[in-house]
């Protein structure tokens, strides 16, 4: 039972780290890349639909993304979703494709992105700590119900703390790499 709780906590913590990694991928560094659009959705026939399902993305140059909708009736919704997002880009619509030209990052914009990255990292660490709290609660419940001894629970809590530290360290490493990437000119 203790191993089940720890394994479940470990899997959830891995998912939190992966979610944080995906959040970091959406933050633009030097080059424009299609993964920046992963979190965006557009209204398509009354349903919020991920942009990846509505169009193809290509990057012919480092600062340009071309978006070719599969259905031309969705081009307006895609354009609106990009304009309303926090990407800071205004797509140019030529009737067939949307062209997003990303401006060169200024020092001020880089610092803003670093703040965003730090905020996303903190959200990831909070998520990991919440998972730890739930697992610890489950372990204490086992002890209270007499399903496991105090020594076993104490050892499991120590392992849980180690897992938590390991996962928060991974998030800190991801943040360090993202900061270095953002500061690179």
N, C-alpha and C. Protein backbone atom coordinates (compact mmCIF):
# COMPACT_ATOMS: atom_id res chain seq x y z
N UNK A 1 0.83 -1.20 0.00
CA UNK A 1 0.00 0.00 0.00
C UNK A 1 0.87 1.26 0.00
N UNK A 2 1.93 1.25 0.80
CA UNK A 2 2.83 2.40 0.87
C UNK A 2 3.49 2.63 -0.48
N UNK A 3 3.94 1.53 -1.11
CA UNK A 3 4.59 1.65 -2.42
C UNK A 3 3.64 2.19 -3.47
N UNK A 4 2.36 1.79 -3.39
CA UNK A 4 1.37 2.31 -4.34
C UNK A 4 1.24 3.83 -4.20
N UNK A 5 1.17 4.30 -2.97
CA UNK A 5 1.04 5.74 -2.73
C UNK A 5 2.27 6.48 -3.26
N UNK A 6 3.46 5.94 -2.98
CA UNK A 6 4.70 6.60 -3.43
C UNK A 6 4.83 6.55 -4.95
N UNK A 7 4.47 5.42 -5.57
CA UNK A 7 4.55 5.32 -7.03
C UNK A 7 3.58 6.29 -7.70
N UNK A 8 2.37 6.38 -7.16
CA UNK A 8 1.38 7.30 -7.71
C UNK A 8 1.88 8.75 -7.58
N UNK A 9 2.44 9.09 -6.42
CA UNK A 9 2.96 10.44 -6.21
C UNK A 9 4.11 10.73 -7.18
N UNK A 10 4.97 9.74 -7.38
CA UNK A 10 6.11 9.92 -8.30
C UNK A 10 5.62 10.16 -9.72
N UNK A 11 4.63 9.40 -10.16
CA UNK A 11 4.09 9.57 -11.51
C UNK A 11 3.46 10.95 -11.67
N UNK A 12 2.70 11.39 -10.67
CA UNK A 12 2.05 12.70 -10.75
C UNK A 12 3.10 13.82 -10.75
N UNK A 13 4.17 13.64 -9.96
CA UNK A 13 5.23 14.64 -9.93
C UNK A 13 5.94 14.71 -11.28
N UNK A 14 6.15 13.54 -11.91
CA UNK A 14 6.74 13.52 -13.25
C UNK A 14 5.87 14.30 -14.24
N UNK A 15 4.55 14.13 -14.12
CA UNK A 15 3.63 14.85 -15.01
C UNK A 15 3.70 16.35 -14.76
N UNK A 16 3.87 16.76 -13.51
CA UNK A 16 3.99 18.18 -13.19
C UNK A 16 5.26 18.77 -13.80
N UNK A 17 6.35 18.02 -13.73
CA UNK A 17 7.62 18.47 -14.32
C UNK A 17 7.45 18.58 -15.83
N UNK A 18 6.80 17.60 -16.44
CA UNK A 18 6.59 17.62 -17.90
C UNK A 18 5.69 18.78 -18.30
N UNK A 19 4.67 19.06 -17.51
CA UNK A 19 3.79 20.20 -17.80
C UNK A 19 4.57 21.51 -17.72
N UNK A 20 5.47 21.60 -16.75
CA UNK A 20 6.30 22.81 -16.63
C UNK A 20 7.23 22.93 -17.83
N UNK A 21 7.78 21.81 -18.29
CA UNK A 21 8.64 21.80 -19.48
C UNK A 21 7.86 22.33 -20.69
N UNK A 22 6.61 21.89 -20.83
CA UNK A 22 5.77 22.35 -21.95
C UNK A 22 5.47 23.84 -21.83
N UNK A 23 5.24 24.30 -20.62
CA UNK A 23 5.02 25.74 -20.41
C UNK A 23 6.23 26.53 -20.84
N UNK A 24 7.42 26.03 -20.51
CA UNK A 24 8.66 26.71 -20.89
C UNK A 24 8.82 26.72 -22.41
N UNK A 25 8.40 25.65 -23.07
CA UNK A 25 8.53 25.58 -24.53
C UNK A 25 7.69 26.66 -25.20
N UNK A 26 6.58 27.04 -24.55
CA UNK A 26 5.71 28.05 -25.12
C UNK A 26 6.28 29.46 -24.96
N UNK A 27 7.28 29.62 -24.11
CA UNK A 27 7.90 30.94 -23.93
C UNK A 27 8.97 31.10 -24.99
N UNK A 28 8.85 32.16 -25.74
CA UNK A 28 9.75 32.37 -26.87
C UNK A 28 11.12 32.84 -26.40
N UNK A 29 12.15 32.23 -26.95
CA UNK A 29 13.52 32.71 -26.71
C UNK A 29 13.94 33.46 -27.96
N UNK A 30 14.93 33.01 -28.67
CA UNK A 30 15.41 33.71 -29.86
C UNK A 30 14.60 33.39 -31.10
N UNK A 31 14.41 32.11 -31.36
CA UNK A 31 13.72 31.67 -32.57
C UNK A 31 12.23 31.51 -32.33
N UNK A 32 11.47 31.72 -33.39
CA UNK A 32 10.04 31.42 -33.34
C UNK A 32 9.88 29.94 -33.66
N UNK A 33 9.03 29.25 -32.93
CA UNK A 33 8.82 27.83 -33.19
C UNK A 33 7.35 27.48 -32.99
N UNK A 34 6.84 26.50 -33.72
CA UNK A 34 5.42 26.16 -33.67
C UNK A 34 4.90 25.79 -32.29
N UNK A 35 5.75 25.28 -31.40
CA UNK A 35 5.25 24.89 -30.08
C UNK A 35 4.78 26.09 -29.26
N UNK A 36 5.10 27.29 -29.70
CA UNK A 36 4.63 28.49 -29.01
C UNK A 36 3.10 28.59 -29.10
N UNK A 37 2.51 27.93 -30.08
CA UNK A 37 1.08 28.01 -30.32
C UNK A 37 0.32 26.84 -29.70
N UNK A 38 1.02 25.94 -28.98
CA UNK A 38 0.39 24.73 -28.44
C UNK A 38 -0.79 25.00 -27.52
N UNK A 39 -0.71 26.03 -26.70
CA UNK A 39 -1.75 26.28 -25.70
C UNK A 39 -2.93 27.10 -26.25
N UNK A 40 -2.81 27.58 -27.48
CA UNK A 40 -3.86 28.46 -28.03
C UNK A 40 -5.01 27.66 -28.61
N UNK A 41 -6.22 28.19 -28.42
CA UNK A 41 -7.41 27.58 -29.00
C UNK A 41 -8.19 28.65 -29.75
N UNK A 42 -8.89 28.24 -30.78
CA UNK A 42 -9.73 29.15 -31.55
C UNK A 42 -11.15 28.59 -31.57
N UNK A 43 -12.11 29.49 -31.67
CA UNK A 43 -13.51 29.10 -31.74
C UNK A 43 -13.77 28.54 -33.14
N UNK A 44 -14.10 27.25 -33.24
CA UNK A 44 -14.33 26.61 -34.53
C UNK A 44 -15.66 25.89 -34.47
N UNK A 45 -16.63 26.38 -35.20
CA UNK A 45 -18.00 25.86 -35.16
C UNK A 45 -18.51 25.77 -33.72
N UNK A 46 -18.26 26.82 -32.96
CA UNK A 46 -18.78 26.92 -31.61
C UNK A 46 -18.01 26.16 -30.55
N UNK A 47 -16.90 25.53 -30.93
CA UNK A 47 -16.12 24.74 -29.99
C UNK A 47 -14.70 25.26 -29.92
N UNK A 48 -14.15 25.49 -28.71
CA UNK A 48 -12.74 25.88 -28.62
C UNK A 48 -11.86 24.71 -29.08
N UNK A 49 -11.10 24.94 -30.14
CA UNK A 49 -10.29 23.89 -30.75
C UNK A 49 -8.82 24.30 -30.76
N UNK A 50 -7.90 23.40 -30.38
CA UNK A 50 -6.47 23.74 -30.43
C UNK A 50 -6.05 24.12 -31.86
N UNK A 51 -5.20 25.14 -31.97
CA UNK A 51 -4.76 25.60 -33.28
C UNK A 51 -4.06 24.49 -34.07
N UNK A 52 -3.37 23.56 -33.39
CA UNK A 52 -2.67 22.47 -34.07
C UNK A 52 -3.64 21.61 -34.88
N UNK A 53 -4.92 21.59 -34.48
CA UNK A 53 -5.91 20.79 -35.20
C UNK A 53 -6.56 21.57 -36.35
N UNK A 54 -6.29 22.88 -36.38
CA UNK A 54 -6.93 23.72 -37.40
C UNK A 54 -5.99 24.14 -38.52
N UNK A 55 -4.68 24.04 -38.29
CA UNK A 55 -3.73 24.57 -39.28
C UNK A 55 -2.38 23.89 -39.16
N UNK A 56 -1.59 24.06 -40.22
CA UNK A 56 -0.20 23.59 -40.17
C UNK A 56 0.70 24.80 -39.94
N UNK A 57 1.80 24.57 -39.25
CA UNK A 57 2.73 25.64 -38.89
C UNK A 57 4.08 25.34 -39.51
N UNK A 58 4.66 26.36 -40.17
CA UNK A 58 6.01 26.22 -40.72
C UNK A 58 6.81 27.45 -40.33
N UNK A 59 8.11 27.26 -40.26
CA UNK A 59 9.00 28.36 -39.90
C UNK A 59 10.07 28.51 -40.98
N UNK A 60 9.77 29.32 -42.03
CA UNK A 60 10.73 29.48 -43.12
C UNK A 60 11.98 30.27 -42.72
N UNK A 61 11.83 31.14 -41.73
CA UNK A 61 12.94 31.94 -41.21
C UNK A 61 12.88 31.91 -39.69
N UNK A 62 13.99 32.24 -39.00
CA UNK A 62 14.01 32.14 -37.54
C UNK A 62 12.95 32.96 -36.81
N UNK A 63 12.51 34.08 -37.39
CA UNK A 63 11.55 34.93 -36.68
C UNK A 63 10.17 34.95 -37.32
N UNK A 64 9.91 34.05 -38.26
CA UNK A 64 8.62 34.03 -38.97
C UNK A 64 7.97 32.66 -38.85
N UNK A 65 6.67 32.67 -38.58
CA UNK A 65 5.87 31.44 -38.58
C UNK A 65 4.75 31.65 -39.59
N UNK A 66 4.60 30.69 -40.50
CA UNK A 66 3.49 30.71 -41.46
C UNK A 66 2.46 29.70 -40.97
N UNK A 67 1.21 30.14 -40.94
CA UNK A 67 0.12 29.30 -40.47
C UNK A 67 -0.85 29.11 -41.62
N UNK A 68 -0.99 27.87 -42.08
CA UNK A 68 -1.88 27.55 -43.20
C UNK A 68 -3.08 26.76 -42.67
N UNK A 69 -4.24 27.40 -42.59
CA UNK A 69 -5.43 26.70 -42.11
C UNK A 69 -5.85 25.58 -43.05
N UNK A 70 -6.35 24.49 -42.46
CA UNK A 70 -6.86 23.38 -43.26
C UNK A 70 -8.21 23.77 -43.88
N UNK A 71 -8.97 24.56 -43.12
CA UNK A 71 -10.28 25.04 -43.57
C UNK A 71 -10.21 26.56 -43.60
N UNK A 72 -10.36 27.16 -44.77
CA UNK A 72 -10.21 28.62 -44.91
C UNK A 72 -11.26 29.40 -44.10
N UNK A 73 -12.38 28.76 -43.75
CA UNK A 73 -13.39 29.48 -42.96
C UNK A 73 -12.91 29.73 -41.54
N UNK A 74 -11.85 29.04 -41.12
CA UNK A 74 -11.34 29.19 -39.75
C UNK A 74 -10.25 30.25 -39.65
N UNK A 75 -9.84 30.84 -40.76
CA UNK A 75 -8.69 31.76 -40.74
C UNK A 75 -8.94 32.96 -39.83
N UNK A 76 -10.15 33.47 -39.82
CA UNK A 76 -10.48 34.62 -38.96
C UNK A 76 -10.39 34.27 -37.48
N UNK A 77 -10.90 33.10 -37.13
CA UNK A 77 -10.86 32.66 -35.73
C UNK A 77 -9.43 32.42 -35.27
N UNK A 78 -8.60 31.84 -36.16
CA UNK A 78 -7.20 31.59 -35.83
C UNK A 78 -6.47 32.92 -35.63
N UNK A 79 -6.73 33.86 -36.55
CA UNK A 79 -6.09 35.19 -36.46
C UNK A 79 -6.48 35.86 -35.15
N UNK A 80 -7.75 35.81 -34.78
CA UNK A 80 -8.22 36.43 -33.53
C UNK A 80 -7.57 35.77 -32.32
N UNK A 81 -7.46 34.44 -32.32
CA UNK A 81 -6.86 33.72 -31.19
C UNK A 81 -5.41 34.13 -30.99
N UNK A 82 -4.68 34.28 -32.09
CA UNK A 82 -3.26 34.68 -31.99
C UNK A 82 -3.15 36.13 -31.52
N UNK A 83 -3.99 37.00 -32.08
CA UNK A 83 -3.93 38.41 -31.71
C UNK A 83 -4.27 38.60 -30.23
N UNK A 84 -5.24 37.82 -29.71
CA UNK A 84 -5.67 37.96 -28.31
C UNK A 84 -4.75 37.24 -27.33
N UNK A 85 -3.80 36.45 -27.83
CA UNK A 85 -2.90 35.69 -26.95
C UNK A 85 -1.83 36.60 -26.38
N UNK A 86 -0.99 36.02 -25.49
CA UNK A 86 0.10 36.79 -24.88
C UNK A 86 1.41 36.65 -25.65
N UNK A 87 1.33 36.24 -26.93
CA UNK A 87 2.54 36.07 -27.73
C UNK A 87 3.13 37.41 -28.17
N UNK A 88 2.32 38.45 -28.18
CA UNK A 88 2.81 39.77 -28.56
C UNK A 88 3.09 39.90 -30.05
N UNK A 89 2.24 39.27 -30.87
CA UNK A 89 2.43 39.31 -32.32
C UNK A 89 1.08 39.55 -32.99
N UNK A 90 1.11 40.30 -34.09
CA UNK A 90 -0.10 40.59 -34.85
C UNK A 90 0.01 39.88 -36.20
N UNK A 91 -0.78 38.83 -36.44
CA UNK A 91 -0.64 38.07 -37.69
C UNK A 91 -1.12 38.87 -38.90
N UNK A 92 -0.39 38.72 -40.01
CA UNK A 92 -0.79 39.33 -41.28
C UNK A 92 -1.54 38.28 -42.09
N UNK A 93 -2.74 38.64 -42.55
CA UNK A 93 -3.61 37.71 -43.26
C UNK A 93 -3.60 38.05 -44.75
N UNK A 94 -3.12 37.11 -45.59
CA UNK A 94 -3.16 37.37 -47.03
C UNK A 94 -4.27 36.57 -47.72
N UNK A 95 -5.19 36.03 -46.95
CA UNK A 95 -6.32 35.29 -47.50
C UNK A 95 -6.09 33.79 -47.55
N UNK A 96 -4.84 33.35 -47.66
CA UNK A 96 -4.53 31.93 -47.72
C UNK A 96 -3.74 31.46 -46.49
N UNK A 97 -2.80 32.26 -46.03
CA UNK A 97 -1.99 31.93 -44.86
C UNK A 97 -1.89 33.14 -43.95
N UNK A 98 -1.59 32.85 -42.68
CA UNK A 98 -1.30 33.91 -41.71
C UNK A 98 0.21 33.95 -41.53
N UNK A 99 0.77 35.13 -41.55
CA UNK A 99 2.21 35.29 -41.37
C UNK A 99 2.42 36.02 -40.04
N UNK A 100 3.13 35.37 -39.13
CA UNK A 100 3.45 35.98 -37.84
C UNK A 100 4.94 36.31 -37.84
N UNK A 101 5.24 37.59 -37.79
CA UNK A 101 6.64 38.02 -37.73
C UNK A 101 6.91 38.44 -36.29
N UNK A 102 7.83 37.73 -35.66
CA UNK A 102 8.17 38.03 -34.27
C UNK A 102 9.30 39.05 -34.24
N UNK A 103 9.09 40.13 -33.51
CA UNK A 103 10.15 41.15 -33.43
C UNK A 103 11.37 40.62 -32.67
N UNK A 104 12.50 41.23 -32.91
CA UNK A 104 13.72 40.89 -32.17
C UNK A 104 13.45 41.16 -30.70
N UNK A 105 13.92 40.29 -29.82
CA UNK A 105 13.67 40.47 -28.39
C UNK A 105 14.54 41.59 -27.84
N UNK A 106 13.90 42.54 -27.16
CA UNK A 106 14.65 43.59 -26.49
C UNK A 106 15.05 43.09 -25.11
N UNK A 107 15.97 43.80 -24.48
CA UNK A 107 16.41 43.43 -23.13
C UNK A 107 15.22 43.43 -22.16
N UNK A 108 14.37 44.43 -22.31
CA UNK A 108 13.19 44.55 -21.44
C UNK A 108 12.24 43.36 -21.63
N UNK A 109 12.02 42.97 -22.90
CA UNK A 109 11.13 41.85 -23.20
C UNK A 109 11.72 40.53 -22.68
N UNK A 110 13.04 40.40 -22.79
CA UNK A 110 13.69 39.20 -22.26
C UNK A 110 13.47 39.09 -20.76
N UNK A 111 13.59 40.21 -20.06
CA UNK A 111 13.39 40.21 -18.61
C UNK A 111 11.94 39.86 -18.26
N UNK A 112 11.00 40.36 -19.08
CA UNK A 112 9.59 39.99 -18.86
C UNK A 112 9.40 38.49 -19.02
N UNK A 113 10.03 37.92 -20.06
CA UNK A 113 9.90 36.48 -20.29
C UNK A 113 10.54 35.68 -19.16
N UNK A 114 11.62 36.20 -18.59
CA UNK A 114 12.25 35.52 -17.45
C UNK A 114 11.30 35.52 -16.26
N UNK A 115 10.61 36.65 -16.04
CA UNK A 115 9.62 36.71 -14.95
C UNK A 115 8.51 35.68 -15.19
N UNK A 116 8.06 35.59 -16.44
CA UNK A 116 7.02 34.61 -16.77
C UNK A 116 7.53 33.20 -16.50
N UNK A 117 8.78 32.92 -16.91
CA UNK A 117 9.36 31.59 -16.70
C UNK A 117 9.47 31.28 -15.20
N UNK A 118 9.89 32.27 -14.41
CA UNK A 118 9.98 32.05 -12.96
C UNK A 118 8.61 31.76 -12.37
N UNK A 119 7.60 32.46 -12.85
CA UNK A 119 6.24 32.23 -12.37
C UNK A 119 5.78 30.81 -12.73
N UNK A 120 6.05 30.38 -13.97
CA UNK A 120 5.66 29.02 -14.39
C UNK A 120 6.42 27.97 -13.56
N UNK A 121 7.69 28.24 -13.27
CA UNK A 121 8.48 27.30 -12.46
C UNK A 121 7.88 27.21 -11.05
N UNK A 122 7.49 28.34 -10.49
CA UNK A 122 6.90 28.32 -9.15
C UNK A 122 5.59 27.55 -9.15
N UNK A 123 4.79 27.72 -10.21
CA UNK A 123 3.55 26.94 -10.32
C UNK A 123 3.85 25.44 -10.35
N UNK A 124 4.91 25.07 -11.06
CA UNK A 124 5.31 23.67 -11.12
C UNK A 124 5.74 23.14 -9.77
N UNK A 125 6.54 23.95 -9.04
CA UNK A 125 6.99 23.53 -7.70
C UNK A 125 5.81 23.41 -6.74
N UNK A 126 4.86 24.34 -6.84
CA UNK A 126 3.67 24.28 -5.98
C UNK A 126 2.88 23.01 -6.28
N UNK A 127 2.76 22.68 -7.55
CA UNK A 127 2.05 21.46 -7.94
C UNK A 127 2.71 20.23 -7.33
N UNK A 128 4.05 20.17 -7.41
CA UNK A 128 4.78 19.04 -6.84
C UNK A 128 4.56 18.98 -5.33
N UNK A 129 4.61 20.13 -4.67
CA UNK A 129 4.41 20.14 -3.21
C UNK A 129 2.99 19.74 -2.83
N UNK A 130 2.00 20.11 -3.67
CA UNK A 130 0.62 19.70 -3.40
C UNK A 130 0.49 18.18 -3.51
N UNK A 131 1.16 17.59 -4.48
CA UNK A 131 1.15 16.13 -4.63
C UNK A 131 1.78 15.49 -3.39
N UNK A 132 2.90 16.08 -2.92
CA UNK A 132 3.55 15.57 -1.71
C UNK A 132 2.59 15.63 -0.53
N UNK A 133 1.88 16.76 -0.39
CA UNK A 133 0.96 16.93 0.73
C UNK A 133 -0.13 15.86 0.71
N UNK A 134 -0.68 15.59 -0.48
CA UNK A 134 -1.73 14.57 -0.58
C UNK A 134 -1.19 13.18 -0.25
N UNK A 135 0.00 12.88 -0.75
CA UNK A 135 0.60 11.57 -0.47
C UNK A 135 0.91 11.43 1.02
N UNK A 136 1.40 12.51 1.61
CA UNK A 136 1.73 12.47 3.05
C UNK A 136 0.45 12.25 3.86
N UNK A 137 -0.62 12.89 3.44
CA UNK A 137 -1.91 12.71 4.11
C UNK A 137 -2.35 11.25 4.03
N UNK A 138 -2.19 10.65 2.84
CA UNK A 138 -2.56 9.24 2.66
C UNK A 138 -1.70 8.33 3.54
N UNK A 139 -0.41 8.64 3.66
CA UNK A 139 0.49 7.84 4.51
C UNK A 139 0.08 7.96 5.98
N UNK A 140 -0.24 9.17 6.40
CA UNK A 140 -0.65 9.37 7.80
C UNK A 140 -1.95 8.64 8.08
N UNK A 141 -2.83 8.59 7.07
CA UNK A 141 -4.09 7.86 7.23
C UNK A 141 -3.82 6.36 7.43
N UNK A 142 -2.83 5.82 6.68
CA UNK A 142 -2.47 4.41 6.86
C UNK A 142 -1.99 4.16 8.29
N UNK A 143 -1.19 5.07 8.81
CA UNK A 143 -0.66 4.95 10.17
C UNK A 143 -1.81 5.02 11.18
N UNK A 144 -2.70 5.98 10.98
CA UNK A 144 -3.80 6.17 11.92
C UNK A 144 -4.76 4.98 11.91
N UNK A 145 -4.99 4.41 10.72
CA UNK A 145 -5.90 3.27 10.60
C UNK A 145 -5.24 1.96 11.03
N UNK A 146 -3.94 2.00 11.29
CA UNK A 146 -3.23 0.81 11.74
C UNK A 146 -2.86 -0.15 10.61
N UNK A 147 -2.94 0.32 9.36
CA UNK A 147 -2.59 -0.53 8.22
C UNK A 147 -1.09 -0.62 8.00
N UNK A 148 -0.35 0.32 8.62
CA UNK A 148 1.12 0.32 8.49
C UNK A 148 1.70 0.85 9.80
N UNK A 149 2.91 0.41 10.10
CA UNK A 149 3.55 0.84 11.33
C UNK A 149 4.14 2.24 11.20
N UNK A 150 4.42 2.86 12.36
CA UNK A 150 4.96 4.22 12.35
C UNK A 150 6.33 4.27 11.67
N UNK A 151 7.14 3.24 11.88
CA UNK A 151 8.47 3.22 11.27
C UNK A 151 8.37 3.15 9.74
N UNK A 152 7.45 2.30 9.27
CA UNK A 152 7.27 2.20 7.82
C UNK A 152 6.81 3.52 7.23
N UNK A 153 5.86 4.17 7.89
CA UNK A 153 5.33 5.45 7.42
C UNK A 153 6.42 6.52 7.46
N UNK A 154 7.22 6.54 8.52
CA UNK A 154 8.30 7.52 8.64
C UNK A 154 9.32 7.33 7.52
N UNK A 155 9.65 6.08 7.21
CA UNK A 155 10.59 5.80 6.13
C UNK A 155 9.99 6.21 4.78
N UNK A 156 8.70 5.95 4.60
CA UNK A 156 8.02 6.32 3.36
C UNK A 156 7.98 7.85 3.21
N UNK A 157 7.74 8.55 4.32
CA UNK A 157 7.72 10.02 4.26
C UNK A 157 9.09 10.57 3.89
N UNK A 158 10.14 9.91 4.38
CA UNK A 158 11.51 10.33 4.04
C UNK A 158 11.75 10.13 2.54
N UNK A 159 11.29 8.99 2.00
CA UNK A 159 11.42 8.74 0.55
C UNK A 159 10.61 9.76 -0.25
N UNK A 160 9.44 10.11 0.28
CA UNK A 160 8.57 11.09 -0.36
C UNK A 160 9.26 12.46 -0.43
N UNK A 161 9.91 12.83 0.67
CA UNK A 161 10.65 14.11 0.69
C UNK A 161 11.77 14.10 -0.35
N UNK A 162 12.46 12.96 -0.46
CA UNK A 162 13.53 12.83 -1.45
C UNK A 162 13.00 12.98 -2.87
N UNK A 163 11.85 12.34 -3.15
CA UNK A 163 11.22 12.46 -4.47
C UNK A 163 10.83 13.90 -4.75
N UNK A 164 10.26 14.56 -3.74
CA UNK A 164 9.84 15.95 -3.91
C UNK A 164 11.04 16.82 -4.24
N UNK A 165 12.12 16.65 -3.52
CA UNK A 165 13.32 17.44 -3.78
C UNK A 165 13.86 17.17 -5.19
N UNK A 166 13.87 15.91 -5.57
CA UNK A 166 14.36 15.53 -6.89
C UNK A 166 13.54 16.23 -8.00
N UNK A 167 12.22 16.26 -7.85
CA UNK A 167 11.37 16.85 -8.87
C UNK A 167 11.45 18.38 -8.86
N UNK A 168 11.54 18.99 -7.68
CA UNK A 168 11.68 20.45 -7.66
C UNK A 168 13.05 20.86 -8.22
N UNK A 169 14.07 20.02 -8.00
CA UNK A 169 15.39 20.31 -8.58
C UNK A 169 15.33 20.24 -10.11
N UNK A 170 14.57 19.29 -10.66
CA UNK A 170 14.41 19.19 -12.11
C UNK A 170 13.79 20.48 -12.65
N UNK A 171 12.76 20.97 -11.95
CA UNK A 171 12.09 22.21 -12.38
C UNK A 171 13.08 23.37 -12.30
N UNK A 172 13.88 23.42 -11.23
CA UNK A 172 14.88 24.49 -11.11
C UNK A 172 15.90 24.43 -12.25
N UNK A 173 16.30 23.21 -12.64
CA UNK A 173 17.24 23.06 -13.77
C UNK A 173 16.61 23.54 -15.07
N UNK A 174 15.33 23.18 -15.28
CA UNK A 174 14.63 23.65 -16.48
C UNK A 174 14.58 25.17 -16.51
N UNK A 175 14.32 25.78 -15.35
CA UNK A 175 14.27 27.24 -15.26
C UNK A 175 15.64 27.84 -15.57
N UNK A 176 16.68 27.24 -15.03
CA UNK A 176 18.04 27.74 -15.27
C UNK A 176 18.36 27.72 -16.76
N UNK A 177 18.01 26.62 -17.44
CA UNK A 177 18.26 26.51 -18.87
C UNK A 177 17.44 27.53 -19.66
N UNK A 178 16.19 27.73 -19.25
CA UNK A 178 15.33 28.68 -19.96
C UNK A 178 15.85 30.10 -19.78
N UNK A 179 16.30 30.44 -18.56
CA UNK A 179 16.86 31.77 -18.32
C UNK A 179 18.10 31.99 -19.18
N UNK A 180 18.97 30.99 -19.25
CA UNK A 180 20.18 31.10 -20.07
C UNK A 180 19.80 31.28 -21.54
N UNK A 181 18.79 30.54 -21.98
CA UNK A 181 18.34 30.64 -23.36
C UNK A 181 17.77 32.03 -23.65
N UNK A 182 17.04 32.59 -22.69
CA UNK A 182 16.45 33.92 -22.88
C UNK A 182 17.49 35.02 -22.85
N UNK A 183 18.52 34.86 -22.06
CA UNK A 183 19.54 35.91 -21.96
C UNK A 183 20.55 35.85 -23.10
N UNK A 184 20.57 34.71 -23.82
CA UNK A 184 21.48 34.57 -24.95
C UNK A 184 21.06 35.50 -26.08
N UNK A 185 21.97 36.35 -26.52
CA UNK A 185 21.62 37.32 -27.58
C UNK A 185 22.11 36.82 -28.92
